[in-house]
Amino acid sequence: MSRRWLVRTLAGILLVLVCVRLGMWQLDRNEERSARNDIIEANEQAPPATLEEVLGPDPTSGQLDESEQWRSVEVRGRYDTEHELLLRLRPLEGRRGFHVITPLVTDDGTAILVDRGFYVSDDDDPDAPAPPAGEVTVAARLRGTEDQRDAGDVAGGHIRYVNVEQIAEAVPYPLVPAWAEAVEPAGDDLLALPQPEADPGPHLSYALQWFIFAVVGVTGFVLLIRAEAKGRGPEPTDSAAADDAGEAAPDDAADGPARATGRPAD
């Protein structure tokens, strides 16, 4: 095999392997999306629960199981605007603004962070609408803490991720290790947060495309080999080359004197 064909072969194999790997990755993404959709649909149909029913007798020491994501709950307490936060860089339907995150403190002194709604604003540090005064009952959907990322400027009141553990260090009461999205906006001029959609997404079609690319790559490589072989034609064998040389020798010998002297032989 020539060096050129070796390079072509290795490049073709690499291309096919990459396409197959990307196809498998999209299948994994599709499986994750399907599991998420099952959780959304199951919890959407479940009746509202209390924090104790979801997280255990002491909600602050429990952990939100993945199967409880988006679970509907009802929590009663008072909003603490002194420790309110604005969640940045999460636009709503293309509109710039902030999610208003306010601790809801319950009668036992614990609290849960509640996304009261979306506030449309072009200001970098807007004054968020005030929440309802006094004790309120909030219907909300539970979300898991985003502890894989740094929350941001908690002390300054601006965050990028709802890292509950990090935010808990800045408030004077224990926080539930989860947060919640209010079903109805709690405050004037706040927009309601959309319900999660059980959308299958494009991952399955993307996986099919990558597998088709892999098949096309293999087919194209085979056709290239066939075309190259047809263009070269069959190579002569050693015996055939010897026979051709033997047939040509007498003619060359007969012509020899004439070619040597430049005149007909005697």
C-alpha atoms as a PDB file:
ATOM      1  CA  MET A   1       0.000   0.000   0.000  1.00  0.00           C
ATOM      2  CA  SER A   2       1.380   3.382  -1.009  1.00  0.00           C
ATOM      3  CA  ARG A   3       1.779   6.179   1.492  1.00  0.00           C
ATOM      4  CA  ARG A   4      -1.035   8.112  -0.180  1.00  0.00           C
ATOM      5  CA  TRP A   5      -3.459   5.224   0.235  1.00  0.00           C
ATOM      6  CA  LEU A   6      -2.362   4.675   3.824  1.00  0.00           C
ATOM      7  CA  VAL A   7      -3.206   8.302   4.638  1.00  0.00           C
ATOM      8  CA  ARG A   8      -6.554   8.006   2.834  1.00  0.00           C
ATOM      9  CA  THR A   9      -7.432   4.810   4.694  1.00  0.00           C
ATOM     10  CA  LEU A  10      -6.579   6.215   8.114  1.00  0.00           C
ATOM     11  CA  ALA A  11      -8.510   9.420   7.385  1.00  0.00           C
ATOM     12  CA  GLY A  12     -11.542   7.421   6.241  1.00  0.00           C
ATOM     13  CA  ILE A  13     -11.504   5.207   9.335  1.00  0.00           C
ATOM     14  CA  LEU A  14     -11.147   8.247  11.592  1.00  0.00           C
ATOM     15  CA  LEU A  15     -14.062  10.001   9.879  1.00  0.00           C
ATOM     16  CA  VAL A  16     -16.344   6.981  10.277  1.00  0.00           C
ATOM     17  CA  LEU A  17     -15.401   6.517  13.935  1.00  0.00           C
ATOM     18  CA  VAL A  18     -16.067  10.179  14.693  1.00  0.00           C
ATOM     19  CA  CYS A  19     -19.491  10.024  13.026  1.00  0.00           C
ATOM     20  CA  VAL A  20     -20.430   6.855  14.926  1.00  0.00           C
ATOM     21  CA  ARG A  21     -19.250   8.362  18.239  1.00  0.00           C
ATOM     22  CA  LEU A  22     -21.273  11.534  17.681  1.00  0.00           C
ATOM     23  CA  GLY A  23     -24.301   9.426  16.811  1.00  0.00           C
ATOM     24  CA  MET A  24     -23.953   7.446  20.046  1.00  0.00           C
ATOM     25  CA  TRP A  25     -23.565  10.700  21.998  1.00  0.00           C
ATOM     26  CA  GLN A  26     -26.826  11.998  20.534  1.00  0.00           C
ATOM     27  CA  LEU A  27     -28.547   8.739  21.505  1.00  0.00           C
ATOM     28  CA  ASP A  28     -27.320   9.234  25.082  1.00  0.00           C
ATOM     29  CA  ARG A  29     -28.670  12.805  25.028  1.00  0.00           C
ATOM     30  CA  ASN A  30     -31.997  11.505  23.737  1.00  0.00           C
ATOM     31  CA  GLU A  31     -32.176   8.975  26.567  1.00  0.00           C
ATOM     32  CA  GLU A  32     -31.467  11.708  29.136  1.00  0.00           C
ATOM     33  CA  ARG A  33     -34.106  13.930  27.578  1.00  0.00           C
ATOM     34  CA  SER A  34     -36.663  11.110  27.636  1.00  0.00           C
ATOM     35  CA  ALA A  35     -35.970  10.461  31.337  1.00  0.00           C
ATOM     36  CA  ARG A  36     -36.384  14.191  32.060  1.00  0.00           C
ATOM     37  CA  ASN A  37     -39.675  14.271  30.162  1.00  0.00           C
ATOM     38  CA  ASP A  38     -40.966  11.283  32.144  1.00  0.00           C
ATOM     39  CA  ILE A  39     -40.170  13.113  35.402  1.00  0.00           C
ATOM     40  CA  ILE A  40     -41.906  16.282  34.190  1.00  0.00           C
ATOM     41  CA  GLU A  41     -45.046  14.427  33.142  1.00  0.00           C
ATOM     42  CA  ALA A  42     -45.203  12.369  36.348  1.00  0.00           C
ATOM     43  CA  ASN A  43     -44.750  15.352  38.665  1.00  0.00           C
ATOM     44  CA  GLU A  44     -47.102  17.523  36.648  1.00  0.00           C
ATOM     45  CA  GLN A  45     -49.930  15.097  37.386  1.00  0.00           C
ATOM     46  CA  ALA A  46     -48.995  14.613  41.061  1.00  0.00           C
ATOM     47  CA  PRO A  47     -50.959  16.587  43.684  1.00  0.00           C
ATOM     48  CA  PRO A  48     -49.114  19.387  45.536  1.00  0.00           C
ATOM     49  CA  ALA A  49     -47.008  18.171  48.441  1.00  0.00           C
ATOM     50  CA  THR A  50     -45.347  19.762  51.454  1.00  0.00           C
ATOM     51  CA  LEU A  51     -41.594  20.161  51.785  1.00  0.00           C
ATOM     52  CA  GLU A  52     -41.619  17.531  54.540  1.00  0.00           C
ATOM     53  CA  GLU A  53     -43.285  15.017  52.228  1.00  0.00           C
ATOM     54  CA  VAL A  54     -40.660  15.555  49.548  1.00  0.00           C
ATOM     55  CA  LEU A  55     -37.480  16.183  51.554  1.00  0.00           C
ATOM     56  CA  GLY A  56     -38.209  14.432  54.859  1.00  0.00           C
ATOM     57  CA  PRO A  57     -39.120  15.558  58.400  1.00  0.00           C
ATOM     58  CA  ASP A  58     -36.261  18.088  58.407  1.00  0.00           C
ATOM     59  CA  PRO A  59     -36.266  19.600  54.903  1.00  0.00           C
ATOM     60  CA  THR A  60     -33.005  21.494  55.477  1.00  0.00           C
ATOM     61  CA  SER A  61     -31.070  18.237  55.933  1.00  0.00           C
ATOM     62  CA  GLY A  62     -32.690  16.373  53.052  1.00  0.00           C
ATOM     63  CA  GLN A  63     -31.734  16.194  49.404  1.00  0.00           C
ATOM     64  CA  LEU A  64     -33.961  16.686  46.395  1.00  0.00           C
ATOM     65  CA  ASP A  65     -34.008  13.454  44.439  1.00  0.00           C
ATOM     66  CA  GLU A  66     -33.786  13.755  40.667  1.00  0.00           C
ATOM     67  CA  SER A  67     -37.219  12.128  40.393  1.00  0.00           C
ATOM     68  CA  GLU A  68     -38.691  15.035  42.408  1.00  0.00           C
ATOM     69  CA  GLN A  69     -37.546  17.745  40.014  1.00  0.00           C
ATOM     70  CA  TRP A  70     -40.485  20.005  39.087  1.00  0.00           C
ATOM     71  CA  ARG A  71     -42.595  18.507  41.893  1.00  0.00           C
ATOM     72  CA  SER A  72     -45.501  20.757  42.871  1.00  0.00           C
ATOM     73  CA  VAL A  73     -45.377  21.948  46.487  1.00  0.00           C
ATOM     74  CA  GLU A  74     -47.179  24.411  48.716  1.00  0.00           C
ATOM     75  CA  VAL A  75     -45.160  26.417  51.222  1.00  0.00           C
ATOM     76  CA  ARG A  76     -46.427  28.927  53.774  1.00  0.00           C
ATOM     77  CA  GLY A  77     -44.257  31.745  55.112  1.00  0.00           C
ATOM     78  CA  ARG A  78     -43.153  35.366  54.790  1.00  0.00           C
ATOM     79  CA  TYR A  79     -40.922  36.836  52.088  1.00  0.00           C
ATOM     80  CA  ASP A  80     -37.608  38.298  53.258  1.00  0.00           C
ATOM     81  CA  THR A  81     -36.707  41.068  50.795  1.00  0.00           C
ATOM     82  CA  GLU A  82     -33.565  42.031  52.742  1.00  0.00           C
ATOM     83  CA  HIS A  83     -31.843  38.971  51.288  1.00  0.00           C
ATOM     84  CA  GLU A  84     -33.442  39.125  47.861  1.00  0.00           C
ATOM     85  CA  LEU A  85     -31.359  38.200  44.805  1.00  0.00           C
ATOM     86  CA  LEU A  86     -31.590  38.925  41.092  1.00  0.00           C
ATOM     87  CA  LEU A  87     -30.813  35.997  38.826  1.00  0.00           C
ATOM     88  CA  ARG A  88     -29.118  37.367  35.705  1.00  0.00           C
ATOM     89  CA  LEU A  89     -28.553  36.246  32.098  1.00  0.00           C
ATOM     90  CA  ARG A  90     -31.651  34.080  31.798  1.00  0.00           C
ATOM     91  CA  PRO A  91     -33.928  35.937  29.375  1.00  0.00           C
ATOM     92  CA  LEU A  92     -37.576  35.024  29.083  1.00  0.00           C
ATOM     93  CA  GLU A  93     -38.898  34.607  25.540  1.00  0.00           C
ATOM     94  CA  GLY A  94     -36.197  36.889  24.215  1.00  0.00           C
ATOM     95  CA  ARG A  95     -36.820  39.669  26.741  1.00  0.00           C
ATOM     96  CA  ARG A  96     -33.984  41.001  28.869  1.00  0.00           C
ATOM     97  CA  GLY A  97     -34.489  41.129  32.599  1.00  0.00           C
ATOM     98  CA  PHE A  98     -34.042  39.280  35.882  1.00  0.00           C
ATOM     99  CA  HIS A  99     -35.559  36.422  37.848  1.00  0.00           C
ATOM    100  CA  VAL A 100     -36.418  37.717  41.312  1.00  0.00           C
ATOM    101  CA  ILE A 101     -35.246  35.190  43.937  1.00  0.00           C
ATOM    102  CA  THR A 102     -36.601  35.856  47.427  1.00  0.00           C
ATOM    103  CA  PRO A 103     -36.288  33.669  50.548  1.00  0.00           C
ATOM    104  CA  LEU A 104     -39.628  32.530  51.937  1.00  0.00           C
ATOM    105  CA  VAL A 105     -39.192  32.067  55.705  1.00  0.00           C
ATOM    106  CA  THR A 106     -41.522  29.547  57.343  1.00  0.00           C
ATOM    107  CA  ASP A 107     -42.844  29.493  60.905  1.00  0.00           C
ATOM    108  CA  ASP A 108     -40.125  27.113  62.090  1.00  0.00           C
ATOM    109  CA  GLY A 109     -37.377  29.552  61.031  1.00  0.00           C
ATOM    110  CA  THR A 110     -36.208  27.710  57.934  1.00  0.00           C
ATOM    111  CA  ALA A 111     -36.519  29.138  54.419  1.00  0.00           C
ATOM    112  CA  ILE A 112     -36.643  28.204  50.763  1.00  0.00           C
ATOM    113  CA  LEU A 113     -35.531  30.373  47.859  1.00  0.00           C
ATOM    114  CA  VAL A 114     -38.487  31.230  45.632  1.00  0.00           C
ATOM    115  CA  ASP A 115     -38.291  32.559  42.084  1.00  0.00           C
ATOM    116  CA  ARG A 116     -41.207  35.011  42.333  1.00  0.00           C
ATOM    117  CA  GLY A 117     -41.274  35.744  38.592  1.00  0.00           C
ATOM    118  CA  PHE A 118     -39.449  37.499  35.772  1.00  0.00           C
ATOM    119  CA  TYR A 119     -38.932  41.263  35.824  1.00  0.00           C
ATOM    120  CA  VAL A 120     -38.392  42.871  32.416  1.00  0.00           C
ATOM    121  CA  SER A 121     -35.752  45.587  32.709  1.00  0.00           C
ATOM    122  CA  ASP A 122     -32.773  46.964  30.791  1.00  0.00           C
ATOM    123  CA  ASP A 123     -31.234  48.367  33.978  1.00  0.00           C
ATOM    124  CA  ASP A 124     -28.238  46.623  35.473  1.00  0.00           C
ATOM    125  CA  ASP A 125     -29.529  47.030  39.034  1.00  0.00           C
ATOM    126  CA  PRO A 126     -33.306  47.515  38.985  1.00  0.00           C
ATOM    127  CA  ASP A 127     -35.627  47.807  41.955  1.00  0.00           C
ATOM    128  CA  ALA A 128     -37.675  44.632  41.865  1.00  0.00           C
ATOM    129  CA  PRO A 129     -41.408  44.792  42.611  1.00  0.00           C
ATOM    130  CA  ALA A 130     -42.256  44.096  46.224  1.00  0.00           C
ATOM    131  CA  PRO A 131     -43.742  40.715  47.175  1.00  0.00           C
ATOM    132  CA  PRO A 132     -47.078  40.306  48.953  1.00  0.00           C
ATOM    133  CA  ALA A 133     -46.859  41.449  52.572  1.00  0.00           C
ATOM    134  CA  GLY A 134     -47.510  39.196  55.540  1.00  0.00           C
ATOM    135  CA  GLU A 135     -47.860  35.450  55.605  1.00  0.00           C
ATOM    136  CA  VAL A 136     -48.656  33.836  52.254  1.00  0.00           C
ATOM    137  CA  THR A 137     -49.107  30.369  50.808  1.00  0.00           C
ATOM    138  CA  VAL A 138     -47.012  29.848  47.691  1.00  0.00           C
ATOM    139  CA  ALA A 139     -47.671  27.175  45.080  1.00  0.00           C
ATOM    140  CA  ALA A 140     -44.393  26.369  43.362  1.00  0.00           C
ATOM    141  CA  ARG A 141     -42.355  23.807  41.442  1.00  0.00           C
ATOM    142  CA  LEU A 142     -39.207  22.446  43.090  1.00  0.00           C
ATOM    143  CA  ARG A 143     -35.818  22.758  41.408  1.00  0.00           C
ATOM    144  CA  GLY A 144     -32.498  21.225  42.374  1.00  0.00           C
ATOM    145  CA  THR A 145     -29.617  23.381  43.589  1.00  0.00           C
ATOM    146  CA  GLU A 146     -27.142  24.436  40.923  1.00  0.00           C
ATOM    147  CA  ASP A 147     -24.121  23.659  43.060  1.00  0.00           C
ATOM    148  CA  GLN A 148     -21.859  22.758  40.134  1.00  0.00           C
ATOM    149  CA  ARG A 149     -21.308  26.473  39.405  1.00  0.00           C
ATOM    150  CA  ASP A 150     -20.358  29.520  41.435  1.00  0.00           C
ATOM    151  CA  ALA A 151     -23.459  31.523  42.341  1.00  0.00           C
ATOM    152  CA  GLY A 152     -21.908  34.904  41.592  1.00  0.00           C
ATOM    153  CA  ASP A 153     -22.042  38.122  43.593  1.00  0.00           C
ATOM    154  CA  VAL A 154     -24.307  36.968  46.418  1.00  0.00           C
ATOM    155  CA  ALA A 155     -23.302  39.852  48.673  1.00  0.00           C
ATOM    156  CA  GLY A 156     -24.120  42.331  45.903  1.00  0.00           C
ATOM    157  CA  GLY A 157     -27.498  40.722  45.230  1.00  0.00           C
ATOM    158  CA  HIS A 158     -26.706  39.503  41.701  1.00  0.00           C
ATOM    159  CA  ILE A 159     -26.267  35.826  40.907  1.00  0.00           C
ATOM    160  CA  ARG A 160     -25.893  33.690  37.800  1.00  0.00           C
ATOM    161  CA  TYR A 161     -26.653  30.293  39.352  1.00  0.00           C
ATOM    162  CA  VAL A 162     -28.886  29.237  42.224  1.00  0.00           C
ATOM    163  CA  ASN A 163     -26.176  27.567  44.276  1.00  0.00           C
ATOM    164  CA  VAL A 164     -28.187  27.097  47.472  1.00  0.00           C
ATOM    165  CA  GLU A 165     -25.239  25.991  49.604  1.00  0.00           C
ATOM    166  CA  GLN A 166     -23.280  29.102  48.701  1.00  0.00           C
ATOM    167  CA  ILE A 167     -26.267  31.429  49.159  1.00  0.00           C
ATOM    168  CA  ALA A 168     -27.008  29.849  52.556  1.00  0.00           C
ATOM    169  CA  GLU A 169     -23.739  31.305  53.873  1.00  0.00           C
ATOM    170  CA  ALA A 170     -25.142  34.828  53.354  1.00  0.00           C
ATOM    171  CA  VAL A 171     -28.522  34.457  55.108  1.00  0.00           C
ATOM    172  CA  PRO A 172     -29.278  34.236  58.854  1.00  0.00           C
ATOM    173  CA  TYR A 173     -31.434  31.090  58.671  1.00  0.00           C
ATOM    174  CA  PRO A 174     -31.051  27.552  57.302  1.00  0.00           C
ATOM    175  CA  LEU A 175     -32.110  27.052  53.681  1.00  0.00           C
ATOM    176  CA  VAL A 176     -33.801  24.077  52.143  1.00  0.00           C
ATOM    177  CA  PRO A 177     -31.271  22.461  49.737  1.00  0.00           C
ATOM    178  CA  ALA A 178     -33.519  23.231  46.766  1.00  0.00           C
ATOM    179  CA  TRP A 179     -35.314  26.218  45.327  1.00  0.00           C
ATOM    180  CA  ALA A 180     -38.746  26.743  43.835  1.00  0.00           C
ATOM    181  CA  GLU A 181     -40.424  28.514  40.917  1.00  0.00           C
ATOM    182  CA  ALA A 182     -43.685  30.216  41.840  1.00  0.00           C
ATOM    183  CA  VAL A 183     -46.593  29.023  39.703  1.00  0.00           C
ATOM    184  CA  GLU A 184     -48.129  32.515  39.813  1.00  0.00           C
ATOM    185  CA  PRO A 185     -45.990  35.688  39.868  1.00  0.00           C
ATOM    186  CA  ALA A 186     -45.680  37.094  43.382  1.00  0.00           C
ATOM    187  CA  GLY A 187     -45.573  40.843  42.803  1.00  0.00           C
ATOM    188  CA  ASP A 188     -46.821  43.483  40.394  1.00  0.00           C
ATOM    189  CA  ASP A 189     -45.141  43.730  36.980  1.00  0.00           C
ATOM    190  CA  LEU A 190     -43.616  40.269  37.311  1.00  0.00           C
ATOM    191  CA  LEU A 191     -44.152  37.814  34.487  1.00  0.00           C
ATOM    192  CA  ALA A 192     -45.210  34.243  35.152  1.00  0.00           C
ATOM    193  CA  LEU A 193     -42.598  31.557  34.606  1.00  0.00           C
ATOM    194  CA  PRO A 194     -43.434  29.035  31.885  1.00  0.00           C
ATOM    195  CA  GLN A 195     -44.179  25.456  32.788  1.00  0.00           C
ATOM    196  CA  PRO A 196     -41.522  22.932  31.794  1.00  0.00           C
ATOM    197  CA  GLU A 197     -42.213  21.283  28.456  1.00  0.00           C
ATOM    198  CA  ALA A 198     -41.819  17.567  27.836  1.00  0.00           C
ATOM    199  CA  ASP A 199     -40.169  18.173  24.474  1.00  0.00           C
ATOM    200  CA  PRO A 200     -38.361  15.172  22.937  1.00  0.00           C
ATOM    201  CA  GLY A 201     -35.882  17.480  21.222  1.00  0.00           C
ATOM    202  CA  PRO A 202     -33.901  16.829  18.037  1.00  0.00           C
ATOM    203  CA  HIS A 203     -31.378  14.346  19.453  1.00  0.00           C
ATOM    204  CA  LEU A 204     -32.809  11.239  17.778  1.00  0.00           C
ATOM    205  CA  SER A 205     -32.824  12.861  14.344  1.00  0.00           C
ATOM    206  CA  TYR A 206     -29.292  14.162  14.925  1.00  0.00           C
ATOM    207  CA  ALA A 207     -28.134  10.651  15.809  1.00  0.00           C
ATOM    208  CA  LEU A 208     -29.676   9.298  12.601  1.00  0.00           C
ATOM    209  CA  GLN A 209     -27.872  11.967  10.582  1.00  0.00           C
ATOM    210  CA  TRP A 210     -24.486  11.059  12.069  1.00  0.00           C
ATOM    211  CA  PHE A 211     -25.028   7.363  11.368  1.00  0.00           C
ATOM    212  CA  ILE A 212     -25.989   8.210   7.775  1.00  0.00           C
ATOM    213  CA  PHE A 213     -22.775  10.218   7.456  1.00  0.00           C
ATOM    214  CA  ALA A 214     -20.827   7.161   8.662  1.00  0.00           C
ATOM    215  CA  VAL A 215     -22.497   4.915   6.065  1.00  0.00           C
ATOM    216  CA  VAL A 216     -21.871   7.494   3.332  1.00  0.00           C
ATOM    217  CA  GLY A 217     -18.220   7.663   4.382  1.00  0.00           C
ATOM    218  CA  VAL A 218     -17.771   3.890   4.157  1.00  0.00           C
ATOM    219  CA  THR A 219     -19.606   3.713   0.825  1.00  0.00           C
ATOM    220  CA  GLY A 220     -17.591   6.581  -0.640  1.00  0.00           C
ATOM    221  CA  PHE A 221     -14.325   4.990   0.433  1.00  0.00           C
ATOM    222  CA  VAL A 222     -15.236   1.665  -1.189  1.00  0.00           C
ATOM    223  CA  LEU A 223     -16.236   3.419  -4.436  1.00  0.00           C
ATOM    224  CA  LEU A 224     -12.958   5.337  -4.403  1.00  0.00           C
ATOM    225  CA  ILE A 225     -10.970   2.106  -4.108  1.00  0.00           C
ATOM    226  CA  ARG A 226     -12.907   0.542  -7.000  1.00  0.00           C
ATOM    227  CA  ALA A 227     -12.436   3.575  -9.197  1.00  0.00           C
ATOM    228  CA  GLU A 228      -8.709   3.670  -8.479  1.00  0.00           C
ATOM    229  CA  ALA A 229      -8.322  -0.026  -9.248  1.00  0.00           C
ATOM    230  CA  LYS A 230     -10.282   0.292 -12.507  1.00  0.00           C
ATOM    231  CA  GLY A 231      -8.190   3.274 -13.582  1.00  0.00           C
ATOM    232  CA  ARG A 232      -4.897   1.409 -13.128  1.00  0.00           C
ATOM    233  CA  GLY A 233      -6.030  -1.733 -14.961  1.00  0.00           C
ATOM    234  CA  PRO A 234      -4.479  -5.183 -14.400  1.00  0.00           C
ATOM    235  CA  GLU A 235      -0.732  -5.172 -13.847  1.00  0.00           C
ATOM    236  CA  PRO A 236       1.292  -7.553 -16.156  1.00  0.00           C
ATOM    237  CA  THR A 237       2.773 -10.675 -14.614  1.00  0.00           C
ATOM    238  CA  ASP A 238       6.462 -11.607 -14.828  1.00  0.00           C
ATOM    239  CA  SER A 239       5.829 -14.441 -17.344  1.00  0.00           C
ATOM    240  CA  ALA A 240       3.769 -12.193 -19.597  1.00  0.00           C
ATOM    241  CA  ALA A 241       6.510  -9.572 -19.579  1.00  0.00           C
ATOM    242  CA  ALA A 242       9.102 -12.234 -20.490  1.00  0.00           C
ATOM    243  CA  ASP A 243       6.975 -13.483 -23.400  1.00  0.00           C
ATOM    244  CA  ASP A 244       6.591  -9.956 -24.731  1.00  0.00           C
ATOM    245  CA  ALA A 245      10.346  -9.466 -24.531  1.00  0.00           C
ATOM    246  CA  GLY A 246      10.977 -12.790 -26.338  1.00  0.00           C
ATOM    247  CA  GLU A 247       8.618 -11.912 -29.204  1.00  0.00           C
ATOM    248  CA  ALA A 248      10.221  -8.522 -29.672  1.00  0.00           C
ATOM    249  CA  ALA A 249      13.819  -9.887 -29.717  1.00  0.00           C
ATOM    250  CA  PRO A 250      13.841 -11.522 -33.269  1.00  0.00           C
ATOM    251  CA  ASP A 251      12.439  -8.409 -34.867  1.00  0.00           C
ATOM    252  CA  ASP A 252      15.043  -6.316 -33.187  1.00  0.00           C
ATOM    253  CA  ALA A 253      17.798  -8.676 -34.327  1.00  0.00           C
ATOM    254  CA  ALA A 254      16.574  -8.706 -37.902  1.00  0.00           C
ATOM    255  CA  ASP A 255      16.468  -4.981 -38.023  1.00  0.00           C
ATOM    256  CA  GLY A 256      19.819  -4.662 -36.379  1.00  0.00           C
ATOM    257  CA  PRO A 257      22.199  -4.549 -39.434  1.00  0.00           C
ATOM    258  CA  ALA A 258      19.969  -2.176 -41.314  1.00  0.00           C
ATOM    259  CA  ARG A 259      19.783   0.168 -38.355  1.00  0.00           C
ATOM    260  CA  ALA A 260      23.507  -0.124 -37.700  1.00  0.00           C
ATOM    261  CA  THR A 261      24.718   0.585 -41.296  1.00  0.00           C
ATOM    262  CA  GLY A 262      21.875   2.725 -42.447  1.00  0.00           C
ATOM    263  CA  ARG A 263      21.550   0.552 -45.667  1.00  0.00           C
ATOM    264  CA  PRO A 264      19.803  -2.715 -46.557  1.00  0.00           C
ATOM    265  CA  ALA A 265      21.577  -5.846 -45.449  1.00  0.00           C
ATOM    266  CA  ASP A 266      23.323  -8.010 -48.098  1.00  0.00           C
END
